[in-house]
Every structure is written in structure tokens, then in C-alpha cells.
Amino acid sequence: MERGRWRRVRIGRGAGLRRPAMIERPGNLPPPPAPEGRGGGYYDYPVVRRPVWTWEVPAYFWLGGMAAGAYVTASLAQRFGSVDDRRVAADGFYVAAAAAVPCAPLLIADLGRADRFHHMLRVFKPLSPMNLGAWTLTGFTPLAFLRAASHAADTGFLRGPLGSLTRLLPKPLVELSGTLLGLVLAGYSGVLLAATNVPLWAKSRLLGGVFMASAMSSGSAAVSLAAARRGAPDAALHRLAVIESAASLGEAAVLTGYLLQSGKTARPLMIGPLAAPFWLGAVGAGTLLPLILHGLAGRRHGRLLRLLSTAAALGTMAGSLALRWSIFEAGKI
């Protein structure tokens, strides 16, 4: 029967007219047009749906990672550094607190409603990367603020009863707890992406390591930037440069392994519109340029050392953002 033609049918005791249903077998219809640049799948629709996350997610990943890296750098300096190192790197607690401020609002903006963030905290699921990340951020943020307030009280910036109260904090315990939570916060975002069914994110198991190494390099770079602007001693800047360079080399090594394991699924990063921000931003400005600048600054002193340290730190921080943004956007292709 042709589509749309009326036919007589018997309904109950009488007869009537009924139009045939407009539903036909899929084989009789041409497949719907597939989205541009996609093929295969079910009737030319992709098997994997595109992620619905927006720009708030990579911004949160970047700021959270930088906060964690700065806190870990400052805590290690407090335990193992010299007097100058402890004084200079303590600014990392300020950096960690400042970078952690927008993290929760960005996460809530992505979730759509504040109560969704609250509902994730009603149950603790350590095997769920998203739930673990929400709990980690909730625990890390107050520790970063407490340690920053304690440092402000020690330097005389925070006075009065509040300053006296913060001096009573057990600093080693706060630093240890914040360091452990910071390491989780630095790497869980990569584990969260790897837990999805997006091939670029899930193919390799090294994405969490990539994000953790990038967080350490950007966090130590933020500490170096603050130290250079405050006129830190040259020896302290050189030691911070060593930490930043080691983190950048580790990031380059893990990123190489990630690309090799990803294989063909990493093509959106290798060629196409996202190749430029990845290679020029994440690899060039974020890794190679800082290593070159730190090499040039190895025997420099004074104003030139501060200029080179500042340029290297800015490149590392920008490259960290480019890395997260390019990997995030490439997963949508």
C-alpha cells in the first residue's frame, strides 16, 4: 500500500476509515544525514555521543591543577628547603588559595545547579572519579586557605585574634593533608576523562599522569612567578627553576607515552584545527620554551634572571591551559 492512502478497516462492530501509520521499516527510508565529518555508526550516526561539557570544565581542571601544584611545591619547600626557600615558596600557599577560589563555582556552573554539587557530597564513592573529585576539592580548599592564613599571620600580614588563632594550626599536619589531597586533585581530572567512552580520553591510561605532571609544572611556575615579582634571592629562583624544569621534563615524557598509546585516536591533536594550540601552545610554549629559558638563566643573576624566570613561568602556565583545552576539545571531534 502506498504511504498516505486511506483504507477501510473494521473497528468493533462497524467499519471505518483509518490512515495507515506513518512509521515504516528503516530499510525503506533513506538514512538521515550524518553530522558533517562523521561516518559509520548506526545509520551514519556516531556510536559515541559527543560530550556535553563546556568551557568551565577545562578552566576548572587548569585552576585546580595549578592550585594543587603550588601547594605541593610550597609544602615540599617547607619540609626540605633552606630558610630562603621556605620564605620564598610560602607564597605558593597564597597561589593555591587564590586558584582554588573559582574551582567550586566553575564546577557548579557546569553541573547547572548548586544542589547537584551538594548531592554528590551526600555519599562518598572513592571509585567514582567525579565523586572523588568533588570530595577532594571540598577538603583541599579549606586547607589551602588555612595554610595561607597561617603564613599571613607569621609574616605579620594577618593580625589580631584571627592571626593568633591561625598560629595554633599544626602546620606539618595541614601541609601533609593538603599535599595528599593536592596530588589527588592534580591527577583525578585526567582519570575522570579516561573513565568516559571517548576514544581519545579512554585509549591510554596515562592521561591522569599527564594532567598531574602538568599541574606540578604549572603550580611550580606560579610559585616562581610570584617569587620573581617579589625580588626573591637568585639562589632560590635557581632552585625553583630546577623544580619547574624537572616537572616539565616529566610532563613531556608522560605526554609522549600518552600519544604513543593513543595511536590513531590522537589524530585530532596531531593534525587539524587543534594541532596548532596543542603543538605551539602545550608543547612549544608550555614545555620547550621554558626549558630553553631556564637553560639560559642558569648562570644569570639579578634583573635578567627575573625576566627569564617570569617569561618561563608564564609560558608554562599558558601551556598547561592549552594542554587541557586542546585535549578536552579534541575529545569532541
C-alpha atoms as a PDB file:
ATOM      1  CA  MET A   1       0.000   0.000   0.000  1.00  0.00           C
ATOM      2  CA  GLU A   2       1.285   3.441  -0.833  1.00  0.00           C
ATOM      3  CA  ARG A   3       2.067   5.748   2.008  1.00  0.00           C
ATOM      4  CA  GLY A   4      -0.753   8.108   2.971  1.00  0.00           C
ATOM      5  CA  ARG A   5      -3.589   6.257   1.159  1.00  0.00           C
ATOM      6  CA  TRP A   6      -6.809   5.634   3.114  1.00  0.00           C
ATOM      7  CA  ARG A   7      -8.147   2.112   3.579  1.00  0.00           C
ATOM      8  CA  ARG A   8     -11.300   0.630   5.090  1.00  0.00           C
ATOM      9  CA  VAL A   9     -10.891  -1.346   8.285  1.00  0.00           C
ATOM     10  CA  ARG A  10     -13.318  -2.944  10.711  1.00  0.00           C
ATOM     11  CA  ILE A  11     -13.372  -1.322  14.133  1.00  0.00           C
ATOM     12  CA  GLY A  12     -15.516  -3.141  16.688  1.00  0.00           C
ATOM     13  CA  ARG A  13     -18.971  -3.723  15.169  1.00  0.00           C
ATOM     14  CA  GLY A  14     -18.741  -1.230  12.387  1.00  0.00           C
ATOM     15  CA  ALA A  15     -16.445  -0.180   9.659  1.00  0.00           C
ATOM     16  CA  GLY A  16     -14.417   2.931   9.423  1.00  0.00           C
ATOM     17  CA  LEU A  17     -11.610   4.607   7.650  1.00  0.00           C
ATOM     18  CA  ARG A  18      -8.116   4.686   9.029  1.00  0.00           C
ATOM     19  CA  ARG A  19      -4.982   6.146   7.625  1.00  0.00           C
ATOM     20  CA  PRO A  20      -2.018   3.787   7.752  1.00  0.00           C
ATOM     21  CA  ALA A  21       0.639   4.588  10.301  1.00  0.00           C
ATOM     22  CA  MET A  22       3.393   6.828   9.055  1.00  0.00           C
ATOM     23  CA  ILE A  23       6.009   4.546  10.567  1.00  0.00           C
ATOM     24  CA  GLU A  24       7.836   2.450   8.000  1.00  0.00           C
ATOM     25  CA  ARG A  25      10.629  -0.010   8.211  1.00  0.00           C
ATOM     26  CA  PRO A  26      14.019   1.628   8.490  1.00  0.00           C
ATOM     27  CA  GLY A  27      15.156  -0.168   5.383  1.00  0.00           C
ATOM     28  CA  ASN A  28      12.518   1.590   3.302  1.00  0.00           C
ATOM     29  CA  LEU A  29      13.682   5.054   4.319  1.00  0.00           C
ATOM     30  CA  PRO A  30      16.908   6.780   3.362  1.00  0.00           C
ATOM     31  CA  PRO A  31      19.220   7.166   6.337  1.00  0.00           C
ATOM     32  CA  PRO A  32      19.169  10.588   7.977  1.00  0.00           C
ATOM     33  CA  PRO A  33      22.086  12.831   7.120  1.00  0.00           C
ATOM     34  CA  ALA A  34      25.048  12.289   9.396  1.00  0.00           C
ATOM     35  CA  PRO A  35      26.752  15.199  11.093  1.00  0.00           C
ATOM     36  CA  GLU A  36      29.466  16.731   8.996  1.00  0.00           C
ATOM     37  CA  GLY A  37      32.777  14.939   9.185  1.00  0.00           C
ATOM     38  CA  ARG A  38      31.301  11.768  10.733  1.00  0.00           C
ATOM     39  CA  GLY A  39      30.571   8.406   9.273  1.00  0.00           C
ATOM     40  CA  GLY A  40      29.877   4.835  10.273  1.00  0.00           C
ATOM     41  CA  GLY A  41      27.947   4.045  13.394  1.00  0.00           C
ATOM     42  CA  TYR A  42      24.216   3.346  13.337  1.00  0.00           C
ATOM     43  CA  TYR A  43      22.625   4.766  10.196  1.00  0.00           C
ATOM     44  CA  ASP A  44      25.605   7.080   9.818  1.00  0.00           C
ATOM     45  CA  TYR A  45      25.192   8.417  13.353  1.00  0.00           C
ATOM     46  CA  PRO A  46      28.269   8.080  15.587  1.00  0.00           C
ATOM     47  CA  VAL A  47      28.232   5.319  18.156  1.00  0.00           C
ATOM     48  CA  VAL A  48      29.785   7.595  20.810  1.00  0.00           C
ATOM     49  CA  ARG A  49      27.866  10.733  21.688  1.00  0.00           C
ATOM     50  CA  ARG A  50      29.775  13.979  21.914  1.00  0.00           C
ATOM     51  CA  PRO A  51      30.495  15.193  25.464  1.00  0.00           C
ATOM     52  CA  VAL A  52      28.175  17.932  26.681  1.00  0.00           C
ATOM     53  CA  TRP A  53      30.758  19.593  28.933  1.00  0.00           C
ATOM     54  CA  THR A  54      31.529  23.233  28.201  1.00  0.00           C
ATOM     55  CA  TRP A  55      34.448  25.620  28.760  1.00  0.00           C
ATOM     56  CA  GLU A  56      34.020  25.594  32.542  1.00  0.00           C
ATOM     57  CA  VAL A  57      35.473  22.083  32.704  1.00  0.00           C
ATOM     58  CA  PRO A  58      38.962  22.727  31.244  1.00  0.00           C
ATOM     59  CA  ALA A  59      39.133  26.021  33.157  1.00  0.00           C
ATOM     60  CA  TYR A  60      38.374  24.156  36.386  1.00  0.00           C
ATOM     61  CA  PHE A  61      40.924  21.464  35.524  1.00  0.00           C
ATOM     62  CA  TRP A  62      43.593  24.118  34.908  1.00  0.00           C
ATOM     63  CA  LEU A  63      42.972  26.182  38.040  1.00  0.00           C
ATOM     64  CA  GLY A  64      42.556  23.138  40.264  1.00  0.00           C
ATOM     65  CA  GLY A  65      45.759  21.598  38.961  1.00  0.00           C
ATOM     66  CA  MET A  66      47.708  24.827  39.395  1.00  0.00           C
ATOM     67  CA  ALA A  67      46.397  25.231  42.949  1.00  0.00           C
ATOM     68  CA  ALA A  68      47.432  21.684  43.786  1.00  0.00           C
ATOM     69  CA  GLY A  69      50.875  22.053  42.213  1.00  0.00           C
ATOM     70  CA  ALA A  70      51.566  25.332  44.012  1.00  0.00           C
ATOM     71  CA  TYR A  71      50.518  23.868  47.360  1.00  0.00           C
ATOM     72  CA  VAL A  72      52.671  20.775  46.917  1.00  0.00           C
ATOM     73  CA  THR A  73      55.671  22.895  45.873  1.00  0.00           C
ATOM     74  CA  ALA A  74      55.303  25.180  48.885  1.00  0.00           C
ATOM     75  CA  SER A  75      54.849  22.256  51.280  1.00  0.00           C
ATOM     76  CA  LEU A  76      57.952  20.465  49.993  1.00  0.00           C
ATOM     77  CA  ALA A  77      59.957  23.662  50.366  1.00  0.00           C
ATOM     78  CA  GLN A  78      58.789  23.999  53.971  1.00  0.00           C
ATOM     79  CA  ARG A  79      59.960  20.492  54.786  1.00  0.00           C
ATOM     80  CA  PHE A  80      63.183  20.193  52.777  1.00  0.00           C
ATOM     81  CA  GLY A  81      64.238  23.683  51.666  1.00  0.00           C
ATOM     82  CA  SER A  82      66.572  26.268  53.104  1.00  0.00           C
ATOM     83  CA  VAL A  83      65.463  29.334  55.019  1.00  0.00           C
ATOM     84  CA  ASP A  84      65.245  31.356  51.797  1.00  0.00           C
ATOM     85  CA  ASP A  85      63.387  28.533  50.062  1.00  0.00           C
ATOM     86  CA  ARG A  86      60.804  28.352  52.826  1.00  0.00           C
ATOM     87  CA  ARG A  87      60.253  32.086  52.802  1.00  0.00           C
ATOM     88  CA  VAL A  88      60.014  32.339  49.005  1.00  0.00           C
ATOM     89  CA  ALA A  89      57.990  29.201  48.315  1.00  0.00           C
ATOM     90  CA  ALA A  90      55.489  30.029  51.051  1.00  0.00           C
ATOM     91  CA  ASP A  91      53.853  32.343  48.528  1.00  0.00           C
ATOM     92  CA  GLY A  92      52.656  29.115  46.935  1.00  0.00           C
ATOM     93  CA  PHE A  93      50.058  28.863  49.685  1.00  0.00           C
ATOM     94  CA  TYR A  94      48.649  32.206  48.547  1.00  0.00           C
ATOM     95  CA  VAL A  95      48.653  30.973  44.950  1.00  0.00           C
ATOM     96  CA  ALA A  96      46.893  27.752  45.942  1.00  0.00           C
ATOM     97  CA  ALA A  97      44.180  29.583  47.866  1.00  0.00           C
ATOM     98  CA  ALA A  98      43.622  32.121  45.079  1.00  0.00           C
ATOM     99  CA  ALA A  99      43.474  29.474  42.334  1.00  0.00           C
ATOM    100  CA  ALA A 100      41.092  27.311  44.372  1.00  0.00           C
ATOM    101  CA  VAL A 101      38.525  30.109  44.767  1.00  0.00           C
ATOM    102  CA  PRO A 102      36.926  29.797  41.276  1.00  0.00           C
ATOM    103  CA  CYS A 103      37.046  25.986  41.173  1.00  0.00           C
ATOM    104  CA  ALA A 104      33.795  25.243  43.000  1.00  0.00           C
ATOM    105  CA  PRO A 105      31.811  27.953  41.123  1.00  0.00           C
ATOM    106  CA  LEU A 106      33.104  26.623  37.794  1.00  0.00           C
ATOM    107  CA  LEU A 107      32.139  23.078  38.728  1.00  0.00           C
ATOM    108  CA  ILE A 108      28.690  24.201  39.873  1.00  0.00           C
ATOM    109  CA  ALA A 109      28.228  26.205  36.663  1.00  0.00           C
ATOM    110  CA  ASP A 110      28.942  23.085  34.630  1.00  0.00           C
ATOM    111  CA  LEU A 111      26.548  20.995  36.728  1.00  0.00           C
ATOM    112  CA  GLY A 112      23.821  23.590  36.229  1.00  0.00           C
ATOM    113  CA  ARG A 113      22.580  23.798  39.825  1.00  0.00           C
ATOM    114  CA  ALA A 114      24.322  24.123  43.157  1.00  0.00           C
ATOM    115  CA  ASP A 115      22.283  21.332  44.711  1.00  0.00           C
ATOM    116  CA  ARG A 116      23.822  18.831  42.289  1.00  0.00           C
ATOM    117  CA  PHE A 117      27.241  19.562  43.748  1.00  0.00           C
ATOM    118  CA  HIS A 118      25.749  19.171  47.223  1.00  0.00           C
ATOM    119  CA  HIS A 119      24.128  15.860  46.304  1.00  0.00           C
ATOM    120  CA  MET A 120      27.494  14.435  45.220  1.00  0.00           C
ATOM    121  CA  LEU A 121      28.752  15.016  48.752  1.00  0.00           C
ATOM    122  CA  ARG A 122      25.934  13.054  50.361  1.00  0.00           C
ATOM    123  CA  VAL A 123      27.683   9.780  49.521  1.00  0.00           C
ATOM    124  CA  PHE A 124      31.409   9.055  49.326  1.00  0.00           C
ATOM    125  CA  LYS A 125      32.298   6.874  46.332  1.00  0.00           C
ATOM    126  CA  PRO A 126      36.081   6.558  46.048  1.00  0.00           C
ATOM    127  CA  LEU A 127      35.754   4.501  42.863  1.00  0.00           C
ATOM    128  CA  SER A 128      33.822   7.281  41.116  1.00  0.00           C
ATOM    129  CA  PRO A 129      36.258   9.888  39.718  1.00  0.00           C
ATOM    130  CA  MET A 130      33.616  12.621  39.715  1.00  0.00           C
ATOM    131  CA  ASN A 131      32.525  11.956  43.293  1.00  0.00           C
ATOM    132  CA  LEU A 132      36.116  11.619  44.462  1.00  0.00           C
ATOM    133  CA  GLY A 133      36.998  14.896  42.767  1.00  0.00           C
ATOM    134  CA  ALA A 134      34.141  16.743  44.447  1.00  0.00           C
ATOM    135  CA  TRP A 135      35.194  15.438  47.854  1.00  0.00           C
ATOM    136  CA  THR A 136      38.855  16.224  47.183  1.00  0.00           C
ATOM    137  CA  LEU A 137      38.093  19.794  46.155  1.00  0.00           C
ATOM    138  CA  THR A 138      35.890  20.231  49.225  1.00  0.00           C
ATOM    139  CA  GLY A 139      38.690  19.060  51.502  1.00  0.00           C
ATOM    140  CA  PHE A 140      41.587  20.779  49.746  1.00  0.00           C
ATOM    141  CA  THR A 141      40.123  24.290  49.514  1.00  0.00           C
ATOM    142  CA  PRO A 142      39.791  24.980  53.270  1.00  0.00           C
ATOM    143  CA  LEU A 143      43.252  23.529  53.907  1.00  0.00           C
ATOM    144  CA  ALA A 144      44.730  25.886  51.312  1.00  0.00           C
ATOM    145  CA  PHE A 145      43.006  28.851  52.951  1.00  0.00           C
ATOM    146  CA  LEU A 146      44.065  27.793  56.451  1.00  0.00           C
ATOM    147  CA  ARG A 147      47.709  27.402  55.458  1.00  0.00           C
ATOM    148  CA  ALA A 148      47.665  30.714  53.581  1.00  0.00           C
ATOM    149  CA  ALA A 149      46.173  32.417  56.642  1.00  0.00           C
ATOM    150  CA  SER A 150      48.824  30.831  58.836  1.00  0.00           C
ATOM    151  CA  HIS A 151      51.573  32.154  56.587  1.00  0.00           C
ATOM    152  CA  ALA A 152      49.958  35.594  56.594  1.00  0.00           C
ATOM    153  CA  ALA A 153      49.960  35.537  60.397  1.00  0.00           C
ATOM    154  CA  ASP A 154      53.625  34.521  60.501  1.00  0.00           C
ATOM    155  CA  THR A 155      54.620  37.416  58.243  1.00  0.00           C
ATOM    156  CA  GLY A 156      52.536  39.953  60.176  1.00  0.00           C
ATOM    157  CA  PHE A 157      50.046  40.482  57.381  1.00  0.00           C
ATOM    158  CA  LEU A 158      47.219  38.926  59.404  1.00  0.00           C
ATOM    159  CA  ARG A 159      46.979  40.306  62.932  1.00  0.00           C
ATOM    160  CA  GLY A 160      44.575  40.354  65.820  1.00  0.00           C
ATOM    161  CA  PRO A 161      42.662  37.426  67.283  1.00  0.00           C
ATOM    162  CA  LEU A 162      42.372  35.713  63.907  1.00  0.00           C
ATOM    163  CA  GLY A 163      46.119  35.865  63.407  1.00  0.00           C
ATOM    164  CA  SER A 164      46.740  34.478  66.876  1.00  0.00           C
ATOM    165  CA  LEU A 165      44.272  31.675  66.224  1.00  0.00           C
ATOM    166  CA  THR A 166      45.843  30.637  62.918  1.00  0.00           C
ATOM    167  CA  ARG A 167      49.266  30.391  64.566  1.00  0.00           C
ATOM    168  CA  LEU A 168      47.900  27.496  66.614  1.00  0.00           C
ATOM    169  CA  LEU A 169      47.388  25.371  63.497  1.00  0.00           C
ATOM    170  CA  PRO A 170      49.503  22.197  63.317  1.00  0.00           C
ATOM    171  CA  LYS A 171      51.340  23.244  60.156  1.00  0.00           C
ATOM    172  CA  PRO A 172      53.009  19.891  59.408  1.00  0.00           C
ATOM    173  CA  LEU A 173      49.663  18.107  59.592  1.00  0.00           C
ATOM    174  CA  VAL A 174      47.924  20.727  57.438  1.00  0.00           C
ATOM    175  CA  GLU A 175      50.728  20.602  54.875  1.00  0.00           C
ATOM    176  CA  LEU A 176      50.748  16.810  54.737  1.00  0.00           C
ATOM    177  CA  SER A 177      46.964  16.571  54.396  1.00  0.00           C
ATOM    178  CA  GLY A 178      46.883  19.292  51.760  1.00  0.00           C
ATOM    179  CA  THR A 179      49.715  17.655  49.824  1.00  0.00           C
ATOM    180  CA  LEU A 180      47.935  14.297  49.680  1.00  0.00           C
ATOM    181  CA  LEU A 181      44.666  15.895  48.609  1.00  0.00           C
ATOM    182  CA  GLY A 182      46.545  18.133  46.182  1.00  0.00           C
ATOM    183  CA  LEU A 183      48.109  15.174  44.408  1.00  0.00           C
ATOM    184  CA  VAL A 184      44.660  13.624  44.000  1.00  0.00           C
ATOM    185  CA  LEU A 185      43.231  16.916  42.758  1.00  0.00           C
ATOM    186  CA  ALA A 186      46.096  17.294  40.293  1.00  0.00           C
ATOM    187  CA  GLY A 187      45.550  13.938  38.617  1.00  0.00           C
ATOM    188  CA  TYR A 188      41.910  12.987  39.097  1.00  0.00           C
ATOM    189  CA  SER A 189      40.720  15.182  36.215  1.00  0.00           C
ATOM    190  CA  GLY A 190      42.625  13.031  33.738  1.00  0.00           C
ATOM    191  CA  VAL A 191      41.222   9.887  35.349  1.00  0.00           C
ATOM    192  CA  LEU A 192      37.737  11.393  35.069  1.00  0.00           C
ATOM    193  CA  LEU A 193      38.135  11.916  31.323  1.00  0.00           C
ATOM    194  CA  ALA A 194      39.648   8.456  30.903  1.00  0.00           C
ATOM    195  CA  ALA A 195      36.582   6.911  32.581  1.00  0.00           C
ATOM    196  CA  THR A 196      34.367   8.056  29.699  1.00  0.00           C
ATOM    197  CA  ASN A 197      33.854   6.218  26.401  1.00  0.00           C
ATOM    198  CA  VAL A 198      35.530   8.928  24.310  1.00  0.00           C
ATOM    199  CA  PRO A 199      38.343   7.114  22.452  1.00  0.00           C
ATOM    200  CA  LEU A 200      40.920   9.918  22.754  1.00  0.00           C
ATOM    201  CA  TRP A 201      40.441  10.094  26.504  1.00  0.00           C
ATOM    202  CA  ALA A 202      39.968   6.397  27.256  1.00  0.00           C
ATOM    203  CA  LYS A 203      42.506   4.751  24.936  1.00  0.00           C
ATOM    204  CA  SER A 204      45.533   5.457  27.131  1.00  0.00           C
ATOM    205  CA  ARG A 205      45.859   5.016  30.878  1.00  0.00           C
ATOM    206  CA  LEU A 206      48.383   7.835  31.125  1.00  0.00           C
ATOM    207  CA  LEU A 207      46.008  10.787  30.891  1.00  0.00           C
ATOM    208  CA  GLY A 208      45.860  11.122  34.667  1.00  0.00           C
ATOM    209  CA  GLY A 209      49.654  11.186  34.775  1.00  0.00           C
ATOM    210  CA  VAL A 210      49.758  13.825  32.043  1.00  0.00           C
ATOM    211  CA  PHE A 211      47.442  16.106  33.984  1.00  0.00           C
ATOM    212  CA  MET A 212      49.289  15.515  37.256  1.00  0.00           C
ATOM    213  CA  ALA A 213      52.683  16.362  35.728  1.00  0.00           C
ATOM    214  CA  SER A 214      51.176  19.417  34.049  1.00  0.00           C
ATOM    215  CA  ALA A 215      49.675  20.517  37.360  1.00  0.00           C
ATOM    216  CA  MET A 216      53.045  20.250  39.086  1.00  0.00           C
ATOM    217  CA  SER A 217      54.803  22.235  36.365  1.00  0.00           C
ATOM    218  CA  SER A 218      52.155  24.982  36.285  1.00  0.00           C
ATOM    219  CA  GLY A 219      51.987  25.146  40.086  1.00  0.00           C
ATOM    220  CA  SER A 220      55.747  25.456  40.488  1.00  0.00           C
ATOM    221  CA  ALA A 221      55.734  28.026  37.668  1.00  0.00           C
ATOM    222  CA  ALA A 222      53.140  30.084  39.540  1.00  0.00           C
ATOM    223  CA  VAL A 223      55.353  29.992  42.631  1.00  0.00           C
ATOM    224  CA  SER A 224      58.351  31.064  40.521  1.00  0.00           C
ATOM    225  CA  LEU A 225      56.335  33.913  39.035  1.00  0.00           C
ATOM    226  CA  ALA A 226      55.347  35.181  42.478  1.00  0.00           C
ATOM    227  CA  ALA A 227      58.921  34.821  43.732  1.00  0.00           C
ATOM    228  CA  ALA A 228      60.396  36.705  40.772  1.00  0.00           C
ATOM    229  CA  ARG A 229      57.964  39.566  41.207  1.00  0.00           C
ATOM    230  CA  ARG A 230      58.763  39.837  44.929  1.00  0.00           C
ATOM    231  CA  GLY A 231      62.516  40.007  44.317  1.00  0.00           C
ATOM    232  CA  ALA A 232      63.464  36.620  45.729  1.00  0.00           C
ATOM    233  CA  PRO A 233      67.152  35.718  46.135  1.00  0.00           C
ATOM    234  CA  ASP A 234      68.824  34.405  42.997  1.00  0.00           C
ATOM    235  CA  ALA A 235      69.672  31.058  44.589  1.00  0.00           C
ATOM    236  CA  ALA A 236      66.025  30.434  45.468  1.00  0.00           C
ATOM    237  CA  LEU A 237      64.941  31.292  41.917  1.00  0.00           C
ATOM    238  CA  HIS A 238      67.511  28.862  40.514  1.00  0.00           C
ATOM    239  CA  ARG A 239      66.237  26.063  42.739  1.00  0.00           C
ATOM    240  CA  LEU A 240      62.645  26.789  41.741  1.00  0.00           C
ATOM    241  CA  ALA A 241      63.756  26.665  38.112  1.00  0.00           C
ATOM    242  CA  VAL A 242      65.190  23.193  38.703  1.00  0.00           C
ATOM    243  CA  ILE A 243      61.866  22.003  40.148  1.00  0.00           C
ATOM    244  CA  GLU A 244      59.911  23.542  37.283  1.00  0.00           C
ATOM    245  CA  SER A 245      62.255  22.033  34.668  1.00  0.00           C
ATOM    246  CA  ALA A 246      62.035  18.587  36.263  1.00  0.00           C
ATOM    247  CA  ALA A 247      58.241  18.779  36.233  1.00  0.00           C
ATOM    248  CA  SER A 248      58.264  19.906  32.586  1.00  0.00           C
ATOM    249  CA  LEU A 249      60.550  17.034  31.578  1.00  0.00           C
ATOM    250  CA  GLY A 250      58.294  14.596  33.402  1.00  0.00           C
ATOM    251  CA  GLU A 251      55.275  16.068  31.670  1.00  0.00           C
ATOM    252  CA  ALA A 252      56.966  15.710  28.272  1.00  0.00           C
ATOM    253  CA  ALA A 253      57.822  12.068  28.975  1.00  0.00           C
ATOM    254  CA  VAL A 254      54.316  11.127  30.125  1.00  0.00           C
ATOM    255  CA  LEU A 255      52.725  13.076  27.267  1.00  0.00           C
ATOM    256  CA  THR A 256      54.884  11.186  24.757  1.00  0.00           C
ATOM    257  CA  GLY A 257      53.754   7.890  26.227  1.00  0.00           C
ATOM    258  CA  TYR A 258      50.146   9.053  26.142  1.00  0.00           C
ATOM    259  CA  LEU A 259      50.341   9.921  22.445  1.00  0.00           C
ATOM    260  CA  LEU A 260      52.024   6.622  21.600  1.00  0.00           C
ATOM    261  CA  GLN A 261      49.420   4.609  23.488  1.00  0.00           C
ATOM    262  CA  SER A 262      46.547   6.588  21.983  1.00  0.00           C
ATOM    263  CA  GLY A 263      47.607   5.766  18.425  1.00  0.00           C
ATOM    264  CA  LYS A 264      45.114   6.813  15.774  1.00  0.00           C
ATOM    265  CA  THR A 265      42.697   8.215  18.332  1.00  0.00           C
ATOM    266  CA  ALA A 266      45.180  11.065  18.903  1.00  0.00           C
ATOM    267  CA  ARG A 267      44.879  12.289  15.314  1.00  0.00           C
ATOM    268  CA  PRO A 268      42.761  15.339  16.312  1.00  0.00           C
ATOM    269  CA  LEU A 269      45.779  16.525  18.293  1.00  0.00           C
ATOM    270  CA  MET A 270      48.277  15.773  15.551  1.00  0.00           C
ATOM    271  CA  ILE A 271      46.509  17.343  12.576  1.00  0.00           C
ATOM    272  CA  GLY A 272      43.549  19.628  12.133  1.00  0.00           C
ATOM    273  CA  PRO A 273      42.390  22.806  13.849  1.00  0.00           C
ATOM    274  CA  LEU A 274      43.567  21.701  17.307  1.00  0.00           C
ATOM    275  CA  ALA A 275      47.097  20.843  16.206  1.00  0.00           C
ATOM    276  CA  ALA A 276      48.243  24.467  16.484  1.00  0.00           C
ATOM    277  CA  PRO A 277      47.168  25.064  20.107  1.00  0.00           C
ATOM    278  CA  PHE A 278      48.493  21.647  21.072  1.00  0.00           C
ATOM    279  CA  TRP A 279      51.912  21.800  19.427  1.00  0.00           C
ATOM    280  CA  LEU A 280      52.537  25.538  19.661  1.00  0.00           C
ATOM    281  CA  GLY A 281      50.783  26.104  22.986  1.00  0.00           C
ATOM    282  CA  ALA A 282      51.060  22.955  25.086  1.00  0.00           C
ATOM    283  CA  VAL A 283      54.328  21.573  23.708  1.00  0.00           C
ATOM    284  CA  GLY A 284      56.092  24.683  22.419  1.00  0.00           C
ATOM    285  CA  ALA A 285      55.190  27.457  24.849  1.00  0.00           C
ATOM    286  CA  GLY A 286      54.428  25.135  27.755  1.00  0.00           C
ATOM    287  CA  THR A 287      57.425  22.781  27.666  1.00  0.00           C
ATOM    288  CA  LEU A 288      60.176  23.580  25.168  1.00  0.00           C
ATOM    289  CA  LEU A 289      60.304  27.353  25.639  1.00  0.00           C
ATOM    290  CA  PRO A 290      60.513  27.221  29.471  1.00  0.00           C
ATOM    291  CA  LEU A 291      63.281  24.614  29.284  1.00  0.00           C
ATOM    292  CA  ILE A 292      65.254  26.845  26.920  1.00  0.00           C
ATOM    293  CA  LEU A 293      64.703  29.921  29.078  1.00  0.00           C
ATOM    294  CA  HIS A 294      65.724  28.096  32.242  1.00  0.00           C
ATOM    295  CA  GLY A 295      68.846  26.903  30.463  1.00  0.00           C
ATOM    296  CA  LEU A 296      69.697  30.487  29.536  1.00  0.00           C
ATOM    297  CA  ALA A 297      69.009  31.644  33.085  1.00  0.00           C
ATOM    298  CA  GLY A 298      71.282  29.023  34.625  1.00  0.00           C
ATOM    299  CA  ARG A 299      74.178  31.428  35.213  1.00  0.00           C
ATOM    300  CA  ARG A 300      72.313  34.710  35.140  1.00  0.00           C
ATOM    301  CA  HIS A 301      71.655  36.933  38.111  1.00  0.00           C
ATOM    302  CA  GLY A 302      69.657  39.966  39.049  1.00  0.00           C
ATOM    303  CA  ARG A 303      67.141  41.569  36.743  1.00  0.00           C
ATOM    304  CA  LEU A 304      67.876  39.330  33.743  1.00  0.00           C
ATOM    305  CA  LEU A 305      67.288  36.222  35.840  1.00  0.00           C
ATOM    306  CA  ARG A 306      63.946  37.571  36.998  1.00  0.00           C
ATOM    307  CA  LEU A 307      62.908  38.404  33.442  1.00  0.00           C
ATOM    308  CA  LEU A 308      63.804  34.933  32.183  1.00  0.00           C
ATOM    309  CA  SER A 309      62.102  33.270  35.155  1.00  0.00           C
ATOM    310  CA  THR A 310      58.960  35.332  34.614  1.00  0.00           C
ATOM    311  CA  ALA A 311      58.821  34.517  30.893  1.00  0.00           C
ATOM    312  CA  ALA A 312      59.363  30.809  31.545  1.00  0.00           C
ATOM    313  CA  ALA A 313      56.679  30.739  34.234  1.00  0.00           C
ATOM    314  CA  LEU A 314      54.134  32.491  32.028  1.00  0.00           C
ATOM    315  CA  GLY A 315      54.868  30.079  29.184  1.00  0.00           C
ATOM    316  CA  THR A 316      54.454  27.059  31.443  1.00  0.00           C
ATOM    317  CA  MET A 317      51.145  28.288  32.837  1.00  0.00           C
ATOM    318  CA  ALA A 318      49.785  29.144  29.379  1.00  0.00           C
ATOM    319  CA  GLY A 319      50.937  25.790  28.025  1.00  0.00           C
ATOM    320  CA  SER A 320      49.186  23.967  30.852  1.00  0.00           C
ATOM    321  CA  LEU A 321      45.924  25.651  29.918  1.00  0.00           C
ATOM    322  CA  ALA A 322      46.483  24.903  26.218  1.00  0.00           C
ATOM    323  CA  LEU A 323      47.135  21.243  27.025  1.00  0.00           C
ATOM    324  CA  ARG A 324      43.885  20.772  28.896  1.00  0.00           C
ATOM    325  CA  TRP A 325      41.839  22.785  26.436  1.00  0.00           C
ATOM    326  CA  SER A 326      43.183  21.006  23.344  1.00  0.00           C
ATOM    327  CA  ILE A 327      42.744  17.515  24.808  1.00  0.00           C
ATOM    328  CA  PHE A 328      39.269  18.441  26.024  1.00  0.00           C
ATOM    329  CA  GLU A 329      38.168  19.861  22.674  1.00  0.00           C
ATOM    330  CA  ALA A 330      39.786  17.048  20.696  1.00  0.00           C
ATOM    331  CA  GLY A 331      37.577  14.585  22.540  1.00  0.00           C
ATOM    332  CA  LYS A 332      34.545  16.248  20.977  1.00  0.00           C
ATOM    333  CA  ILE A 333      35.700  15.626  17.409  1.00  0.00           C
END
